[in-house]
N, C-alpha and C. Protein backbone atom coordinates (compact mmCIF):
# COMPACT_ATOMS: atom_id res chain seq x y z
N UNK A 1 0.84 -1.19 0.00
CA UNK A 1 0.00 0.00 0.00
C UNK A 1 0.87 1.24 0.00
N UNK A 2 0.54 2.20 -0.88
CA UNK A 2 1.27 3.45 -0.88
C UNK A 2 0.88 4.26 0.33
N UNK A 3 1.82 4.95 0.91
CA UNK A 3 1.51 5.89 1.99
C UNK A 3 2.50 7.02 1.92
N UNK A 4 2.14 8.12 2.54
CA UNK A 4 3.01 9.29 2.59
C UNK A 4 3.59 9.34 3.99
N UNK A 5 4.83 8.92 4.19
CA UNK A 5 5.38 8.92 5.56
C UNK A 5 5.44 10.32 6.14
N UNK A 6 4.99 10.46 7.38
CA UNK A 6 5.02 11.73 8.07
C UNK A 6 6.24 11.80 8.98
N UNK A 7 6.75 12.99 9.22
CA UNK A 7 7.84 13.13 10.19
C UNK A 7 7.41 12.57 11.54
N UNK A 8 8.30 11.98 12.31
CA UNK A 8 7.91 11.38 13.59
C UNK A 8 7.32 12.37 14.58
N UNK A 9 7.63 13.67 14.43
CA UNK A 9 7.08 14.66 15.35
C UNK A 9 5.78 15.28 14.84
N UNK A 10 5.21 14.70 13.75
CA UNK A 10 3.95 15.23 13.23
C UNK A 10 2.85 15.06 14.27
N UNK A 11 2.14 16.15 14.64
CA UNK A 11 1.16 16.07 15.72
C UNK A 11 0.10 15.00 15.52
N UNK A 12 -0.33 14.73 14.28
CA UNK A 12 -1.41 13.77 14.10
C UNK A 12 -0.97 12.36 14.44
N UNK A 13 0.33 12.09 14.40
CA UNK A 13 0.79 10.74 14.67
C UNK A 13 0.54 10.33 16.11
N UNK A 14 0.34 11.27 17.00
CA UNK A 14 0.20 10.96 18.41
C UNK A 14 -1.27 10.93 18.86
N UNK A 15 -2.20 11.21 17.94
CA UNK A 15 -3.61 11.26 18.31
C UNK A 15 -4.25 9.90 18.07
N UNK A 16 -5.16 9.50 18.92
CA UNK A 16 -5.80 8.19 18.79
C UNK A 16 -7.26 8.25 19.21
N UNK A 17 -8.01 9.23 18.72
CA UNK A 17 -9.42 9.31 19.03
C UNK A 17 -10.16 9.78 17.79
N UNK A 18 -11.48 9.55 17.72
CA UNK A 18 -12.21 9.87 16.49
C UNK A 18 -12.04 11.33 16.10
N UNK A 19 -11.65 11.53 14.86
CA UNK A 19 -11.39 12.87 14.38
C UNK A 19 -11.85 12.99 12.93
N UNK A 20 -12.07 14.22 12.48
CA UNK A 20 -12.51 14.47 11.11
C UNK A 20 -11.32 14.94 10.28
N UNK A 21 -11.12 14.26 9.16
CA UNK A 21 -10.07 14.62 8.21
C UNK A 21 -10.73 15.13 6.94
N UNK A 22 -10.42 16.36 6.55
CA UNK A 22 -10.83 16.87 5.24
C UNK A 22 -9.73 16.57 4.24
N UNK A 23 -10.09 15.89 3.18
CA UNK A 23 -9.14 15.56 2.13
C UNK A 23 -9.45 16.47 0.94
N UNK A 24 -8.72 17.57 0.83
CA UNK A 24 -8.97 18.57 -0.21
C UNK A 24 -8.30 18.19 -1.52
N UNK A 25 -9.06 18.25 -2.61
CA UNK A 25 -8.52 17.84 -3.91
C UNK A 25 -8.22 16.36 -3.91
N UNK A 26 -9.19 15.57 -3.46
CA UNK A 26 -8.95 14.15 -3.15
C UNK A 26 -8.68 13.28 -4.36
N UNK A 27 -9.24 13.64 -5.54
CA UNK A 27 -9.10 12.76 -6.69
C UNK A 27 -9.91 11.49 -6.50
N UNK A 28 -9.60 10.42 -7.25
CA UNK A 28 -10.34 9.17 -7.13
C UNK A 28 -10.26 8.59 -5.72
N UNK A 29 -11.31 7.86 -5.34
CA UNK A 29 -11.34 7.30 -3.99
C UNK A 29 -10.29 6.19 -3.88
N UNK A 30 -9.30 6.44 -3.05
CA UNK A 30 -8.20 5.50 -2.86
C UNK A 30 -7.50 5.87 -1.57
N UNK A 31 -7.81 5.14 -0.50
CA UNK A 31 -7.27 5.50 0.81
C UNK A 31 -5.76 5.31 0.88
N UNK A 32 -5.18 4.61 -0.10
CA UNK A 32 -3.73 4.44 -0.07
C UNK A 32 -3.01 5.75 -0.37
N UNK A 33 -3.76 6.78 -0.84
CA UNK A 33 -3.13 8.08 -1.06
C UNK A 33 -2.95 8.84 0.26
N UNK A 34 -3.59 8.37 1.33
CA UNK A 34 -3.45 9.02 2.63
C UNK A 34 -2.25 8.47 3.37
N UNK A 35 -1.58 9.30 4.17
CA UNK A 35 -0.47 8.79 4.99
C UNK A 35 -1.02 7.86 6.06
N UNK A 36 -0.21 6.89 6.46
CA UNK A 36 -0.65 5.87 7.40
C UNK A 36 -1.29 6.45 8.67
N UNK A 37 -0.74 7.51 9.28
CA UNK A 37 -1.36 8.03 10.51
C UNK A 37 -2.77 8.59 10.30
N UNK A 38 -3.15 8.86 9.05
CA UNK A 38 -4.48 9.41 8.78
C UNK A 38 -5.40 8.37 8.15
N UNK A 39 -4.96 7.14 8.11
CA UNK A 39 -5.66 6.11 7.36
C UNK A 39 -6.33 5.09 8.27
N UNK A 40 -6.41 5.39 9.57
CA UNK A 40 -6.96 4.43 10.52
C UNK A 40 -8.42 4.66 10.82
N UNK A 41 -9.02 3.76 11.60
CA UNK A 41 -10.44 3.85 11.92
C UNK A 41 -10.80 5.02 12.83
N UNK A 42 -9.79 5.63 13.45
CA UNK A 42 -10.06 6.78 14.32
C UNK A 42 -10.34 8.06 13.53
N UNK A 43 -10.20 7.96 12.20
CA UNK A 43 -10.43 9.14 11.34
C UNK A 43 -11.66 8.94 10.48
N UNK A 44 -12.46 9.98 10.36
CA UNK A 44 -13.54 10.03 9.38
C UNK A 44 -13.09 10.94 8.26
N UNK A 45 -12.87 10.37 7.08
CA UNK A 45 -12.40 11.14 5.93
C UNK A 45 -13.59 11.77 5.19
N UNK A 46 -13.52 13.07 4.96
CA UNK A 46 -14.49 13.77 4.12
C UNK A 46 -13.75 14.25 2.89
N UNK A 47 -14.13 13.72 1.73
CA UNK A 47 -13.42 13.97 0.49
C UNK A 47 -14.05 15.15 -0.25
N UNK A 48 -13.20 16.10 -0.67
CA UNK A 48 -13.65 17.30 -1.38
C UNK A 48 -12.92 17.37 -2.71
N UNK A 49 -13.69 17.49 -3.80
CA UNK A 49 -13.06 17.60 -5.12
C UNK A 49 -14.03 18.31 -6.06
N UNK A 50 -13.49 19.03 -7.03
CA UNK A 50 -14.30 19.75 -7.99
C UNK A 50 -14.91 18.82 -9.04
N UNK A 51 -14.28 17.67 -9.26
CA UNK A 51 -14.71 16.75 -10.31
C UNK A 51 -15.69 15.72 -9.75
N UNK A 52 -16.97 15.78 -10.15
CA UNK A 52 -17.95 14.81 -9.62
C UNK A 52 -17.65 13.38 -10.03
N UNK A 53 -16.84 13.19 -11.08
CA UNK A 53 -16.49 11.83 -11.50
C UNK A 53 -15.70 11.08 -10.44
N UNK A 54 -15.04 11.83 -9.54
CA UNK A 54 -14.29 11.19 -8.46
C UNK A 54 -15.19 10.77 -7.30
N UNK A 55 -16.48 11.10 -7.39
CA UNK A 55 -17.47 10.76 -6.36
C UNK A 55 -17.04 11.22 -4.96
N UNK A 56 -16.68 12.51 -4.85
CA UNK A 56 -16.30 13.02 -3.51
C UNK A 56 -17.54 13.18 -2.64
N UNK A 57 -17.32 13.33 -1.34
CA UNK A 57 -18.44 13.62 -0.43
C UNK A 57 -18.98 15.02 -0.68
N UNK A 58 -18.08 15.93 -1.06
CA UNK A 58 -18.45 17.32 -1.33
C UNK A 58 -17.87 17.71 -2.68
N UNK A 59 -18.73 18.14 -3.61
CA UNK A 59 -18.27 18.63 -4.90
C UNK A 59 -18.10 20.14 -4.79
N UNK A 60 -16.85 20.58 -4.81
CA UNK A 60 -16.56 22.01 -4.67
C UNK A 60 -15.11 22.26 -5.01
N UNK A 61 -14.83 23.50 -5.39
CA UNK A 61 -13.44 23.93 -5.53
C UNK A 61 -12.86 24.09 -4.13
N UNK A 62 -11.59 23.75 -3.98
CA UNK A 62 -10.98 23.89 -2.65
C UNK A 62 -10.74 25.35 -2.28
N UNK A 63 -11.00 26.26 -3.23
CA UNK A 63 -10.89 27.69 -2.90
C UNK A 63 -12.08 28.17 -2.10
N UNK A 64 -13.20 27.43 -2.15
CA UNK A 64 -14.42 27.90 -1.49
C UNK A 64 -15.31 26.69 -1.22
N UNK A 65 -15.46 26.35 0.06
CA UNK A 65 -16.27 25.18 0.44
C UNK A 65 -17.34 25.66 1.43
N UNK A 66 -18.31 26.47 0.96
CA UNK A 66 -19.25 27.11 1.89
C UNK A 66 -20.19 26.14 2.58
N UNK A 67 -20.36 24.93 2.02
CA UNK A 67 -21.27 23.97 2.63
C UNK A 67 -20.68 23.30 3.89
N UNK A 68 -19.40 23.54 4.16
CA UNK A 68 -18.78 23.00 5.36
C UNK A 68 -18.60 24.12 6.39
N UNK A 69 -18.90 23.80 7.64
CA UNK A 69 -18.93 24.79 8.71
C UNK A 69 -17.53 25.17 9.18
N UNK A 70 -17.42 26.35 9.75
CA UNK A 70 -16.16 26.77 10.38
C UNK A 70 -15.76 25.74 11.43
N UNK A 71 -14.48 25.43 11.49
CA UNK A 71 -13.97 24.56 12.54
C UNK A 71 -14.49 23.15 12.50
N UNK A 72 -14.82 22.64 11.31
CA UNK A 72 -15.40 21.29 11.22
C UNK A 72 -14.36 20.19 11.20
N UNK A 73 -13.09 20.52 10.98
CA UNK A 73 -12.07 19.49 10.76
C UNK A 73 -10.97 19.53 11.81
N UNK A 74 -10.52 18.35 12.20
CA UNK A 74 -9.36 18.24 13.08
C UNK A 74 -8.06 18.34 12.29
N UNK A 75 -8.11 17.90 11.04
CA UNK A 75 -6.92 17.93 10.18
C UNK A 75 -7.36 18.06 8.74
N UNK A 76 -6.47 18.62 7.92
CA UNK A 76 -6.70 18.75 6.48
C UNK A 76 -5.49 18.18 5.75
N UNK A 77 -5.76 17.35 4.76
CA UNK A 77 -4.73 16.77 3.92
C UNK A 77 -4.97 17.25 2.49
N UNK A 78 -3.92 17.78 1.85
CA UNK A 78 -4.03 18.29 0.49
C UNK A 78 -2.72 17.96 -0.23
N UNK A 79 -2.73 16.94 -1.06
CA UNK A 79 -1.50 16.45 -1.68
C UNK A 79 -1.55 16.62 -3.20
N UNK A 80 -0.53 17.26 -3.74
CA UNK A 80 -0.37 17.46 -5.18
C UNK A 80 -1.65 18.05 -5.79
N UNK A 81 -2.08 19.14 -5.18
CA UNK A 81 -3.29 19.83 -5.65
C UNK A 81 -3.04 21.33 -5.81
N UNK A 82 -2.34 21.95 -4.85
CA UNK A 82 -2.14 23.40 -4.89
C UNK A 82 -1.45 23.88 -6.17
N UNK A 83 -0.56 23.07 -6.70
CA UNK A 83 0.19 23.49 -7.88
C UNK A 83 -0.70 23.60 -9.13
N UNK A 84 -1.91 23.03 -9.07
CA UNK A 84 -2.83 23.11 -10.20
C UNK A 84 -3.64 24.41 -10.21
N UNK A 85 -3.52 25.20 -9.14
CA UNK A 85 -4.23 26.47 -9.05
C UNK A 85 -3.30 27.62 -9.42
N UNK A 86 -3.89 28.79 -9.69
CA UNK A 86 -3.08 29.96 -9.99
C UNK A 86 -2.48 30.51 -8.69
N UNK A 87 -1.40 31.25 -8.83
CA UNK A 87 -0.68 31.76 -7.66
C UNK A 87 -1.59 32.59 -6.75
N UNK A 88 -2.46 33.40 -7.35
CA UNK A 88 -3.32 34.25 -6.52
C UNK A 88 -4.37 33.46 -5.75
N UNK A 89 -4.57 32.19 -6.14
CA UNK A 89 -5.55 31.35 -5.44
C UNK A 89 -4.97 30.66 -4.21
N UNK A 90 -3.64 30.56 -4.13
CA UNK A 90 -3.03 29.87 -3.00
C UNK A 90 -3.40 30.48 -1.66
N UNK A 91 -3.29 31.81 -1.47
CA UNK A 91 -3.71 32.38 -0.18
C UNK A 91 -5.19 32.16 0.11
N UNK A 92 -6.01 32.11 -0.94
CA UNK A 92 -7.45 31.88 -0.76
C UNK A 92 -7.67 30.47 -0.19
N UNK A 93 -6.99 29.48 -0.77
CA UNK A 93 -7.12 28.10 -0.29
C UNK A 93 -6.63 27.98 1.14
N UNK A 94 -5.49 28.59 1.44
CA UNK A 94 -4.95 28.49 2.80
C UNK A 94 -5.87 29.18 3.80
N UNK A 95 -6.49 30.28 3.40
CA UNK A 95 -7.45 30.94 4.27
C UNK A 95 -8.67 30.08 4.51
N UNK A 96 -9.15 29.42 3.47
CA UNK A 96 -10.30 28.53 3.61
C UNK A 96 -9.94 27.34 4.50
N UNK A 97 -8.73 26.80 4.35
CA UNK A 97 -8.29 25.70 5.20
C UNK A 97 -8.25 26.13 6.66
N UNK A 98 -7.77 27.33 6.91
CA UNK A 98 -7.72 27.83 8.29
C UNK A 98 -9.13 27.97 8.86
N UNK A 99 -10.07 28.43 8.05
CA UNK A 99 -11.46 28.55 8.50
C UNK A 99 -12.04 27.19 8.87
N UNK A 100 -11.75 26.19 8.07
CA UNK A 100 -12.35 24.87 8.26
C UNK A 100 -11.75 24.10 9.43
N UNK A 101 -10.53 24.44 9.82
CA UNK A 101 -9.88 23.72 10.91
C UNK A 101 -10.37 24.18 12.28
N UNK A 102 -10.43 23.23 13.20
CA UNK A 102 -10.65 23.57 14.60
C UNK A 102 -9.40 24.26 15.14
N UNK A 103 -9.52 25.08 16.17
CA UNK A 103 -8.31 25.60 16.82
C UNK A 103 -7.40 24.45 17.23
N UNK A 104 -6.15 24.57 16.90
CA UNK A 104 -5.20 23.49 17.18
C UNK A 104 -5.14 22.44 16.09
N UNK A 105 -6.00 22.56 15.06
CA UNK A 105 -6.00 21.60 13.97
C UNK A 105 -4.82 21.77 13.04
N UNK A 106 -4.51 20.72 12.31
CA UNK A 106 -3.30 20.70 11.48
C UNK A 106 -3.62 20.63 10.00
N UNK A 107 -2.93 21.48 9.23
CA UNK A 107 -2.97 21.45 7.78
C UNK A 107 -1.70 20.78 7.28
N UNK A 108 -1.85 19.80 6.38
CA UNK A 108 -0.71 19.11 5.80
C UNK A 108 -0.79 19.18 4.29
N UNK A 109 0.30 19.62 3.67
CA UNK A 109 0.36 19.83 2.23
C UNK A 109 1.52 19.05 1.62
N UNK A 110 1.31 18.58 0.40
CA UNK A 110 2.40 18.00 -0.39
C UNK A 110 2.37 18.66 -1.76
N UNK A 111 3.50 19.20 -2.20
CA UNK A 111 3.60 19.86 -3.50
C UNK A 111 4.95 19.48 -4.13
N UNK A 112 5.06 19.59 -5.46
CA UNK A 112 6.37 19.35 -6.09
C UNK A 112 7.39 20.37 -5.61
N UNK A 113 8.63 19.94 -5.52
CA UNK A 113 9.73 20.82 -5.11
C UNK A 113 10.25 21.55 -6.35
N UNK A 114 9.78 22.77 -6.56
CA UNK A 114 10.11 23.51 -7.78
C UNK A 114 11.59 23.87 -7.85
N UNK A 115 12.23 24.05 -6.71
CA UNK A 115 13.65 24.41 -6.73
C UNK A 115 14.48 23.28 -7.33
N UNK A 116 14.14 22.05 -6.97
CA UNK A 116 14.86 20.90 -7.53
C UNK A 116 14.57 20.79 -9.02
N UNK A 117 13.29 20.93 -9.39
CA UNK A 117 12.92 20.82 -10.81
C UNK A 117 13.61 21.90 -11.63
N UNK A 118 13.62 23.13 -11.13
CA UNK A 118 14.26 24.23 -11.86
C UNK A 118 15.75 23.99 -12.01
N UNK A 119 16.37 23.43 -10.98
CA UNK A 119 17.80 23.10 -11.07
C UNK A 119 18.08 22.09 -12.16
N UNK A 120 17.22 21.09 -12.30
CA UNK A 120 17.40 20.09 -13.35
C UNK A 120 17.20 20.71 -14.73
N UNK A 121 16.21 21.60 -14.86
CA UNK A 121 16.00 22.27 -16.14
C UNK A 121 17.20 23.15 -16.48
N UNK A 122 17.71 23.87 -15.48
CA UNK A 122 18.88 24.74 -15.72
C UNK A 122 20.10 23.93 -16.12
N UNK A 123 20.17 22.67 -15.66
CA UNK A 123 21.29 21.79 -16.04
C UNK A 123 21.02 21.05 -17.34
N UNK A 124 19.96 21.48 -18.06
CA UNK A 124 19.58 20.86 -19.33
C UNK A 124 19.21 19.39 -19.16
N UNK A 125 18.56 19.08 -18.03
CA UNK A 125 18.09 17.71 -17.77
C UNK A 125 16.56 17.69 -17.61
N UNK A 126 15.90 18.69 -18.16
CA UNK A 126 14.47 18.82 -17.96
C UNK A 126 13.63 17.70 -18.54
N UNK A 127 14.13 17.03 -19.59
CA UNK A 127 13.36 15.97 -20.23
C UNK A 127 13.72 14.57 -19.73
N UNK A 128 14.64 14.48 -18.79
CA UNK A 128 15.01 13.16 -18.24
C UNK A 128 13.94 12.68 -17.27
N UNK A 129 13.66 11.38 -17.29
CA UNK A 129 12.77 10.79 -16.29
C UNK A 129 13.50 10.80 -14.96
N UNK A 130 12.88 11.41 -13.95
CA UNK A 130 13.54 11.48 -12.64
C UNK A 130 12.89 10.54 -11.62
N UNK A 131 11.62 10.18 -11.85
CA UNK A 131 11.01 9.15 -11.01
C UNK A 131 9.77 8.60 -11.71
N UNK A 132 9.29 7.46 -11.22
CA UNK A 132 8.09 6.83 -11.75
C UNK A 132 6.93 7.11 -10.80
N UNK A 133 5.84 7.60 -11.34
CA UNK A 133 4.63 7.84 -10.55
C UNK A 133 3.57 6.84 -10.97
N UNK A 134 2.45 6.76 -10.23
CA UNK A 134 1.36 5.87 -10.67
C UNK A 134 0.86 6.22 -12.07
N UNK A 135 1.04 7.51 -12.48
CA UNK A 135 0.59 7.94 -13.81
C UNK A 135 1.66 7.71 -14.88
N UNK A 136 2.86 7.25 -14.48
CA UNK A 136 3.92 7.02 -15.44
C UNK A 136 5.17 7.83 -15.14
N UNK A 137 6.14 7.82 -16.04
CA UNK A 137 7.40 8.55 -15.83
C UNK A 137 7.16 10.04 -15.68
N UNK A 138 7.96 10.67 -14.81
CA UNK A 138 7.85 12.10 -14.54
C UNK A 138 9.19 12.77 -14.79
N UNK A 139 9.15 13.91 -15.49
CA UNK A 139 10.35 14.69 -15.75
C UNK A 139 10.29 15.99 -14.95
N UNK A 140 11.39 16.72 -14.95
CA UNK A 140 11.39 18.02 -14.28
C UNK A 140 10.43 18.99 -14.97
N UNK A 141 10.31 18.90 -16.29
CA UNK A 141 9.35 19.73 -17.02
C UNK A 141 7.93 19.42 -16.56
N UNK A 142 7.64 18.12 -16.36
CA UNK A 142 6.32 17.72 -15.84
C UNK A 142 6.07 18.34 -14.48
N UNK A 143 7.10 18.34 -13.63
CA UNK A 143 6.94 18.88 -12.28
C UNK A 143 6.59 20.36 -12.32
N UNK A 144 7.16 21.08 -13.27
CA UNK A 144 6.93 22.52 -13.34
C UNK A 144 5.63 22.87 -14.05
N UNK A 145 5.27 22.12 -15.09
CA UNK A 145 4.15 22.52 -15.95
C UNK A 145 2.98 21.55 -15.98
N UNK A 146 3.14 20.38 -15.40
CA UNK A 146 2.08 19.38 -15.43
C UNK A 146 2.51 18.17 -16.25
N UNK A 147 1.92 17.02 -15.93
CA UNK A 147 2.31 15.76 -16.56
C UNK A 147 1.94 15.79 -18.04
N UNK A 148 2.96 15.75 -18.90
CA UNK A 148 2.76 15.94 -20.34
C UNK A 148 1.78 14.92 -20.95
N UNK A 149 1.86 13.63 -20.61
CA UNK A 149 0.90 12.69 -21.20
C UNK A 149 -0.56 13.03 -20.86
N UNK A 150 -0.81 13.45 -19.63
CA UNK A 150 -2.18 13.83 -19.25
C UNK A 150 -2.64 15.05 -20.03
N UNK A 151 -1.75 16.04 -20.19
CA UNK A 151 -2.09 17.24 -20.94
C UNK A 151 -2.33 16.91 -22.41
N UNK A 152 -1.54 15.97 -22.95
CA UNK A 152 -1.70 15.58 -24.35
C UNK A 152 -3.05 14.90 -24.59
N UNK A 153 -3.60 14.29 -23.54
CA UNK A 153 -4.92 13.66 -23.63
C UNK A 153 -6.06 14.66 -23.46
N UNK A 154 -5.70 15.94 -23.30
CA UNK A 154 -6.72 16.96 -23.15
C UNK A 154 -7.15 17.22 -21.73
N UNK A 155 -6.45 16.62 -20.77
CA UNK A 155 -6.80 16.81 -19.35
C UNK A 155 -6.09 18.07 -18.85
N UNK A 156 -6.59 19.22 -19.30
CA UNK A 156 -5.90 20.48 -19.04
C UNK A 156 -5.97 20.91 -17.59
N UNK A 157 -6.89 20.35 -16.82
CA UNK A 157 -6.95 20.65 -15.38
C UNK A 157 -5.70 20.14 -14.66
N UNK A 158 -4.95 19.25 -15.32
CA UNK A 158 -3.74 18.71 -14.71
C UNK A 158 -2.53 19.62 -14.93
N UNK A 159 -2.70 20.73 -15.63
CA UNK A 159 -1.59 21.67 -15.82
C UNK A 159 -1.20 22.28 -14.48
N UNK A 160 0.07 22.59 -14.32
CA UNK A 160 0.56 23.27 -13.12
C UNK A 160 0.59 24.77 -13.40
N UNK A 161 0.00 25.54 -12.48
CA UNK A 161 -0.15 26.98 -12.71
C UNK A 161 0.66 27.82 -11.73
N UNK A 162 1.25 27.18 -10.75
CA UNK A 162 2.16 27.88 -9.83
C UNK A 162 3.15 26.86 -9.30
N UNK A 163 4.12 27.32 -8.53
CA UNK A 163 5.13 26.39 -8.01
C UNK A 163 5.57 26.86 -6.62
N UNK A 164 6.26 25.95 -5.92
CA UNK A 164 6.61 26.20 -4.53
C UNK A 164 8.05 25.79 -4.24
N UNK A 165 8.71 26.63 -3.46
CA UNK A 165 10.00 26.29 -2.85
C UNK A 165 9.76 26.23 -1.35
N UNK A 166 10.70 25.69 -0.58
CA UNK A 166 10.48 25.64 0.87
C UNK A 166 10.21 27.01 1.48
N UNK A 167 11.00 28.02 1.09
CA UNK A 167 10.82 29.35 1.68
C UNK A 167 9.49 29.97 1.29
N UNK A 168 9.08 29.79 0.04
CA UNK A 168 7.80 30.37 -0.41
C UNK A 168 6.63 29.71 0.31
N UNK A 169 6.67 28.41 0.43
CA UNK A 169 5.58 27.69 1.09
C UNK A 169 5.48 28.07 2.56
N UNK A 170 6.64 28.18 3.21
CA UNK A 170 6.65 28.59 4.62
C UNK A 170 6.09 30.00 4.78
N UNK A 171 6.46 30.91 3.90
CA UNK A 171 5.96 32.29 3.97
C UNK A 171 4.45 32.35 3.76
N UNK A 172 3.94 31.61 2.78
CA UNK A 172 2.51 31.63 2.51
C UNK A 172 1.71 31.08 3.69
N UNK A 173 2.21 30.05 4.33
CA UNK A 173 1.53 29.49 5.50
C UNK A 173 1.52 30.49 6.65
N UNK A 174 2.64 31.18 6.84
CA UNK A 174 2.72 32.18 7.91
C UNK A 174 1.77 33.34 7.63
N UNK A 175 1.73 33.79 6.39
CA UNK A 175 0.84 34.89 6.03
C UNK A 175 -0.63 34.51 6.17
N UNK A 176 -0.94 33.23 6.06
CA UNK A 176 -2.31 32.75 6.22
C UNK A 176 -2.68 32.56 7.69
N UNK A 177 -1.72 32.78 8.59
CA UNK A 177 -2.03 32.71 10.02
C UNK A 177 -1.75 31.38 10.68
N UNK A 178 -0.97 30.52 10.04
CA UNK A 178 -0.63 29.23 10.64
C UNK A 178 0.61 29.36 11.53
N UNK A 179 0.66 28.51 12.54
CA UNK A 179 1.79 28.48 13.47
C UNK A 179 2.45 27.10 13.40
N UNK A 180 3.54 26.93 14.13
CA UNK A 180 4.28 25.66 14.19
C UNK A 180 4.51 25.12 12.77
N UNK A 181 4.95 26.00 11.89
CA UNK A 181 5.12 25.64 10.48
C UNK A 181 6.42 24.86 10.29
N UNK A 182 6.31 23.78 9.51
CA UNK A 182 7.49 22.99 9.19
C UNK A 182 7.39 22.58 7.72
N UNK A 183 8.47 22.76 6.99
CA UNK A 183 8.53 22.34 5.58
C UNK A 183 9.73 21.42 5.42
N UNK A 184 9.46 20.22 4.92
CA UNK A 184 10.49 19.19 4.79
C UNK A 184 10.63 18.79 3.34
N UNK A 185 11.88 18.65 2.90
CA UNK A 185 12.14 18.16 1.54
C UNK A 185 12.09 16.64 1.54
N UNK A 186 11.37 16.07 0.58
CA UNK A 186 11.37 14.62 0.38
C UNK A 186 12.11 14.35 -0.92
N UNK A 187 13.41 14.17 -0.79
CA UNK A 187 14.27 14.11 -1.97
C UNK A 187 13.90 12.98 -2.91
N UNK A 188 13.54 11.82 -2.37
CA UNK A 188 13.24 10.67 -3.23
C UNK A 188 12.01 10.90 -4.08
N UNK A 189 11.09 11.73 -3.58
CA UNK A 189 9.85 11.99 -4.32
C UNK A 189 9.87 13.36 -5.00
N UNK A 190 10.96 14.10 -4.87
CA UNK A 190 11.07 15.43 -5.47
C UNK A 190 9.88 16.31 -5.06
N UNK A 191 9.56 16.27 -3.77
CA UNK A 191 8.40 17.02 -3.30
C UNK A 191 8.68 17.64 -1.94
N UNK A 192 7.77 18.52 -1.54
CA UNK A 192 7.82 19.17 -0.24
C UNK A 192 6.63 18.72 0.59
N UNK A 193 6.89 18.42 1.86
CA UNK A 193 5.82 18.15 2.82
C UNK A 193 5.80 19.31 3.80
N UNK A 194 4.64 19.95 3.94
CA UNK A 194 4.52 21.09 4.84
C UNK A 194 3.38 20.85 5.81
N UNK A 195 3.54 21.35 7.01
CA UNK A 195 2.45 21.32 7.98
C UNK A 195 2.43 22.62 8.76
N UNK A 196 1.22 23.00 9.13
CA UNK A 196 1.03 24.19 9.94
C UNK A 196 -0.16 23.97 10.84
N UNK A 197 -0.18 24.63 11.97
CA UNK A 197 -1.25 24.45 12.96
C UNK A 197 -2.04 25.73 13.10
N UNK A 198 -3.36 25.60 13.15
CA UNK A 198 -4.21 26.75 13.43
C UNK A 198 -4.07 27.07 14.91
N UNK A 199 -3.72 28.31 15.24
CA UNK A 199 -3.53 28.64 16.67
C UNK A 199 -4.79 28.39 17.48
N UNK A 200 -4.58 28.10 18.77
CA UNK A 200 -5.71 27.91 19.68
C UNK A 200 -6.46 29.22 19.86
C-alpha cells in the first residue's frame, strides 16, 4: 500500500481518538493516497473535489467550500493539488483551510519541489525521467508545468499553474495565520511536505 510517511514529530501521529479529516482535492477514492497516521479507523475522511467523476463527499473547488462549517475538521490533507491552481488562489485556499480547521487543527500539504525541478531544467536535464509515478514517468518539465501525457490527452486541469519552494511555502503558511510551520524536503519523491497548525 502506498503511503506518505510523516515526520515522527507530526502532531497527528500521536492522536488516537475519532477525528474528522478533510481531504482537499482528493481525486479518485483510494485511501492508499493518505499517509498511514491518517488512514486508521479513528479518522472520518471527508473527500472534497471539484470533479464529480471522483465521487467526492463534497463537490466544490478547494478555494471555497461554503457547505462546510467553520472549525469542522481536526486535520486537512491536500496532496499534489495546490500546484494546479493559480498563484493568486493559493492564499485563498490556505485561508479557507484555516477557517475549516478547529483551533489546534493541522494542515498538511504536499507539492512538487520547484527548486529541484528548476535546477534540473537549468542543467539541461528537464526531459530526463527522474522518477516513476502511478501515472507514469515524470520529468522536471512535468513537475513545473504538469504531466505531459495527461495534458496531451486533453486533461488540461492537470496543468501546473504555480510552483513552490520551501521558503515560499513557509511564507505563505505564515501569512495565512498558521503556526508551528514545518517544511520538509522529500528528496526521493522530489516534493515538499509542509504542515502548519491553526492557533488555539
